Amino acid sequence: MHKILVQGINIYAFHGCLDEEAKVGCNYIVDVAMDTDFTAAALTDDLDKTIDYVVVYNIVKTQMAIRSKLIEQVGQRIVNELKKELKGLIKVEVTVTKINPPMNGNVDKVAIVISE
C-alpha cells in the first residue's frame, strides 16, 4: 500500500455559526492523506494509474466554497466527493483546520479529522 499526501491547501472561506463569519470569512487549511496502490504508475510513469493531485485540490476548493455552519459538514462533503471521484482510493483522511476561530479565548486554530 502507498500513501499520497496533499497538504496545506490554503483556502479562504465563509464557514461558521456566526452571521459575521458568513460575511467576513477566515483562513482554512485542508490536508488530505490517501491510501492507494500506485505501483503501476511508478513503473509506467502514467498519471492515469495514480491519483491526480489537481483533482484532489479541485474537489477541496469546490466543497470549501459551499458555505456550512460546521467544518464537520465541510470535511464530510470533501471525503464523500473524493471517494466518489478517485479511482484506486483505498482509504482517505481529511483534516479541515480553521485558523484564528472567533472564540472568547486565545485559540490559534481548531480542526476536525475524518478517516474513512
C-alpha atoms as a PDB file:
ATOM      1  CA  MET A   1       0.000   0.000   0.000  1.00  0.00           C
ATOM      2  CA  HIS A   2       1.134   3.531  -0.768  1.00  0.00           C
ATOM      3  CA  LYS A   3       0.164   6.925   0.594  1.00  0.00           C
ATOM      4  CA  ILE A   4      -0.333  10.200  -1.266  1.00  0.00           C
ATOM      5  CA  LEU A   5      -0.451  13.418   0.761  1.00  0.00           C
ATOM      6  CA  VAL A   6      -1.836  16.731  -0.443  1.00  0.00           C
ATOM      7  CA  GLN A   7      -1.038  19.055   2.432  1.00  0.00           C
ATOM      8  CA  GLY A   8      -1.533  22.688   3.278  1.00  0.00           C
ATOM      9  CA  ILE A   9      -4.332  23.566   0.876  1.00  0.00           C
ATOM     10  CA  ASN A  10      -4.934  27.181   1.900  1.00  0.00           C
ATOM     11  CA  ILE A  11      -8.477  28.369   1.286  1.00  0.00           C
ATOM     12  CA  TYR A  12     -10.349  31.497   2.343  1.00  0.00           C
ATOM     13  CA  ALA A  13     -13.948  30.503   3.088  1.00  0.00           C
ATOM     14  CA  PHE A  14     -17.079  31.568   4.928  1.00  0.00           C
ATOM     15  CA  HIS A  15     -17.980  28.718   7.290  1.00  0.00           C
ATOM     16  CA  GLY A  16     -19.230  29.174  10.831  1.00  0.00           C
ATOM     17  CA  CYS A  17     -22.253  29.530  13.045  1.00  0.00           C
ATOM     18  CA  LEU A  18     -21.946  33.300  13.454  1.00  0.00           C
ATOM     19  CA  ASP A  19     -23.520  35.680  10.914  1.00  0.00           C
ATOM     20  CA  GLU A  20     -20.242  37.618  10.917  1.00  0.00           C
ATOM     21  CA  GLU A  21     -18.360  34.541   9.697  1.00  0.00           C
ATOM     22  CA  ALA A  22     -20.649  34.366   6.666  1.00  0.00           C
ATOM     23  CA  LYS A  23     -19.704  37.947   5.771  1.00  0.00           C
ATOM     24  CA  VAL A  24     -16.067  38.190   6.817  1.00  0.00           C
ATOM     25  CA  GLY A  25     -14.813  34.620   6.415  1.00  0.00           C
ATOM     26  CA  CYS A  26     -11.428  33.323   7.538  1.00  0.00           C
ATOM     27  CA  ASN A  27      -8.484  31.180   6.532  1.00  0.00           C
ATOM     28  CA  TYR A  28      -8.627  27.396   6.454  1.00  0.00           C
ATOM     29  CA  ILE A  29      -6.044  24.736   5.786  1.00  0.00           C
ATOM     30  CA  VAL A  30      -7.097  21.366   4.389  1.00  0.00           C
ATOM     31  CA  ASP A  31      -4.848  18.300   4.405  1.00  0.00           C
ATOM     32  CA  VAL A  32      -5.697  15.118   2.515  1.00  0.00           C
ATOM     33  CA  ALA A  33      -3.986  11.749   3.046  1.00  0.00           C
ATOM     34  CA  MET A  34      -4.910   8.895   0.707  1.00  0.00           C
ATOM     35  CA  ASP A  35      -4.003   5.222   0.769  1.00  0.00           C
ATOM     36  CA  THR A  36      -3.756   3.694  -2.695  1.00  0.00           C
ATOM     37  CA  ASP A  37      -1.614   1.403  -4.784  1.00  0.00           C
ATOM     38  CA  PHE A  38       0.452   3.387  -7.275  1.00  0.00           C
ATOM     39  CA  THR A  39       2.769   0.554  -8.291  1.00  0.00           C
ATOM     40  CA  ALA A  40       1.628   0.718 -11.929  1.00  0.00           C
ATOM     41  CA  ALA A  41       2.146   4.483 -12.050  1.00  0.00           C
ATOM     42  CA  ALA A  42       5.624   4.165 -10.565  1.00  0.00           C
ATOM     43  CA  LEU A  43       6.531   1.559 -13.185  1.00  0.00           C
ATOM     44  CA  THR A  44       4.975   3.272 -16.202  1.00  0.00           C
ATOM     45  CA  ASP A  45       5.160   6.998 -15.315  1.00  0.00           C
ATOM     46  CA  ASP A  46       1.459   7.206 -16.262  1.00  0.00           C
ATOM     47  CA  LEU A  47      -0.706   9.749 -14.422  1.00  0.00           C
ATOM     48  CA  ASP A  48      -3.848   7.754 -15.247  1.00  0.00           C
ATOM     49  CA  LYS A  49      -2.583   4.967 -12.969  1.00  0.00           C
ATOM     50  CA  THR A  50      -2.476   7.079  -9.814  1.00  0.00           C
ATOM     51  CA  ILE A  51      -4.416   9.820  -8.042  1.00  0.00           C
ATOM     52  CA  ASP A  52      -4.132  13.222  -9.710  1.00  0.00           C
ATOM     53  CA  TYR A  53      -3.303  15.911  -7.134  1.00  0.00           C
ATOM     54  CA  VAL A  54      -5.073  18.553  -9.236  1.00  0.00           C
ATOM     55  CA  VAL A  55      -8.338  16.611  -8.977  1.00  0.00           C
ATOM     56  CA  VAL A  56      -7.919  16.429  -5.195  1.00  0.00           C
ATOM     57  CA  TYR A  57      -7.276  20.168  -4.986  1.00  0.00           C
ATOM     58  CA  ASN A  58     -10.287  20.996  -7.161  1.00  0.00           C
ATOM     59  CA  ILE A  59     -12.605  18.831  -5.037  1.00  0.00           C
ATOM     60  CA  VAL A  60     -11.392  20.562  -1.877  1.00  0.00           C
ATOM     61  CA  LYS A  61     -11.729  24.010  -3.456  1.00  0.00           C
ATOM     62  CA  THR A  62     -15.256  23.303  -4.706  1.00  0.00           C
ATOM     63  CA  GLN A  63     -16.506  21.908  -1.390  1.00  0.00           C
ATOM     64  CA  MET A  64     -14.887  24.667   0.659  1.00  0.00           C
ATOM     65  CA  ALA A  65     -16.762  27.233  -1.458  1.00  0.00           C
ATOM     66  CA  ILE A  66     -20.125  25.845  -0.285  1.00  0.00           C
ATOM     67  CA  ARG A  67     -20.979  27.546   2.996  1.00  0.00           C
ATOM     68  CA  SER A  68     -21.647  25.411   6.060  1.00  0.00           C
ATOM     69  CA  LYS A  69     -22.072  26.286   9.701  1.00  0.00           C
ATOM     70  CA  LEU A  70     -19.831  23.391  10.748  1.00  0.00           C
ATOM     71  CA  ILE A  71     -16.440  22.351   9.416  1.00  0.00           C
ATOM     72  CA  GLU A  72     -17.554  18.820  10.250  1.00  0.00           C
ATOM     73  CA  GLN A  73     -20.019  19.022   7.367  1.00  0.00           C
ATOM     74  CA  VAL A  74     -17.458  20.515   5.001  1.00  0.00           C
ATOM     75  CA  GLY A  75     -14.982  17.755   5.838  1.00  0.00           C
ATOM     76  CA  GLN A  76     -17.566  15.044   5.238  1.00  0.00           C
ATOM     77  CA  ARG A  77     -18.505  16.532   1.860  1.00  0.00           C
ATOM     78  CA  ILE A  78     -14.842  16.534   0.846  1.00  0.00           C
ATOM     79  CA  VAL A  79     -14.457  12.882   1.911  1.00  0.00           C
ATOM     80  CA  ASN A  80     -17.626  11.893   0.052  1.00  0.00           C
ATOM     81  CA  GLU A  81     -16.516  13.569  -3.189  1.00  0.00           C
ATOM     82  CA  LEU A  82     -13.010  12.123  -3.011  1.00  0.00           C
ATOM     83  CA  LYS A  83     -14.446   8.618  -2.547  1.00  0.00           C
ATOM     84  CA  LYS A  84     -16.839   9.190  -5.438  1.00  0.00           C
ATOM     85  CA  GLU A  85     -14.331  10.656  -7.907  1.00  0.00           C
ATOM     86  CA  LEU A  86     -10.994   8.937  -7.273  1.00  0.00           C
ATOM     87  CA  LYS A  87     -10.272   5.527  -8.749  1.00  0.00           C
ATOM     88  CA  GLY A  88      -7.963   3.406  -6.659  1.00  0.00           C
ATOM     89  CA  LEU A  89      -8.658   5.181  -3.388  1.00  0.00           C
ATOM     90  CA  ILE A  90      -8.447   2.653  -0.552  1.00  0.00           C
ATOM     91  CA  LYS A  91      -8.615   4.966   2.462  1.00  0.00           C
ATOM     92  CA  VAL A  92      -8.824   8.718   2.883  1.00  0.00           C
ATOM     93  CA  GLU A  93      -8.190  11.071   5.780  1.00  0.00           C
ATOM     94  CA  VAL A  94      -9.207  14.727   5.586  1.00  0.00           C
ATOM     95  CA  THR A  95      -8.262  17.386   8.109  1.00  0.00           C
ATOM     96  CA  VAL A  96     -10.008  20.766   7.978  1.00  0.00           C
ATOM     97  CA  THR A  97      -8.335  23.411  10.134  1.00  0.00           C
ATOM     98  CA  LYS A  98      -9.891  26.789  10.894  1.00  0.00           C
ATOM     99  CA  ILE A  99      -7.277  29.445  11.626  1.00  0.00           C
ATOM    100  CA  ASN A 100      -7.993  32.024  14.370  1.00  0.00           C
ATOM    101  CA  PRO A 101     -11.573  30.931  15.130  1.00  0.00           C
ATOM    102  CA  PRO A 102     -13.791  33.616  16.691  1.00  0.00           C
ATOM    103  CA  MET A 103     -13.941  32.413  20.285  1.00  0.00           C
ATOM    104  CA  ASN A 104     -13.817  34.049  23.690  1.00  0.00           C
ATOM    105  CA  GLY A 105     -10.230  32.981  24.189  1.00  0.00           C
ATOM    106  CA  ASN A 106      -6.791  32.848  22.663  1.00  0.00           C
ATOM    107  CA  VAL A 107      -7.056  29.905  20.235  1.00  0.00           C
ATOM    108  CA  ASP A 108      -4.785  29.609  17.198  1.00  0.00           C
ATOM    109  CA  LYS A 109      -6.827  27.012  15.364  1.00  0.00           C
ATOM    110  CA  VAL A 110      -9.445  24.288  15.587  1.00  0.00           C
ATOM    111  CA  ALA A 111      -9.575  21.219  13.370  1.00  0.00           C
ATOM    112  CA  ILE A 112     -11.606  18.137  12.525  1.00  0.00           C
ATOM    113  CA  VAL A 113     -10.252  14.872  11.128  1.00  0.00           C
ATOM    114  CA  ILE A 114     -12.316  12.336   9.193  1.00  0.00           C
ATOM    115  CA  SER A 115     -10.840   8.933   8.259  1.00  0.00           C
ATOM    116  CA  GLU A 116     -12.753   6.520   6.055  1.00  0.00           C
END
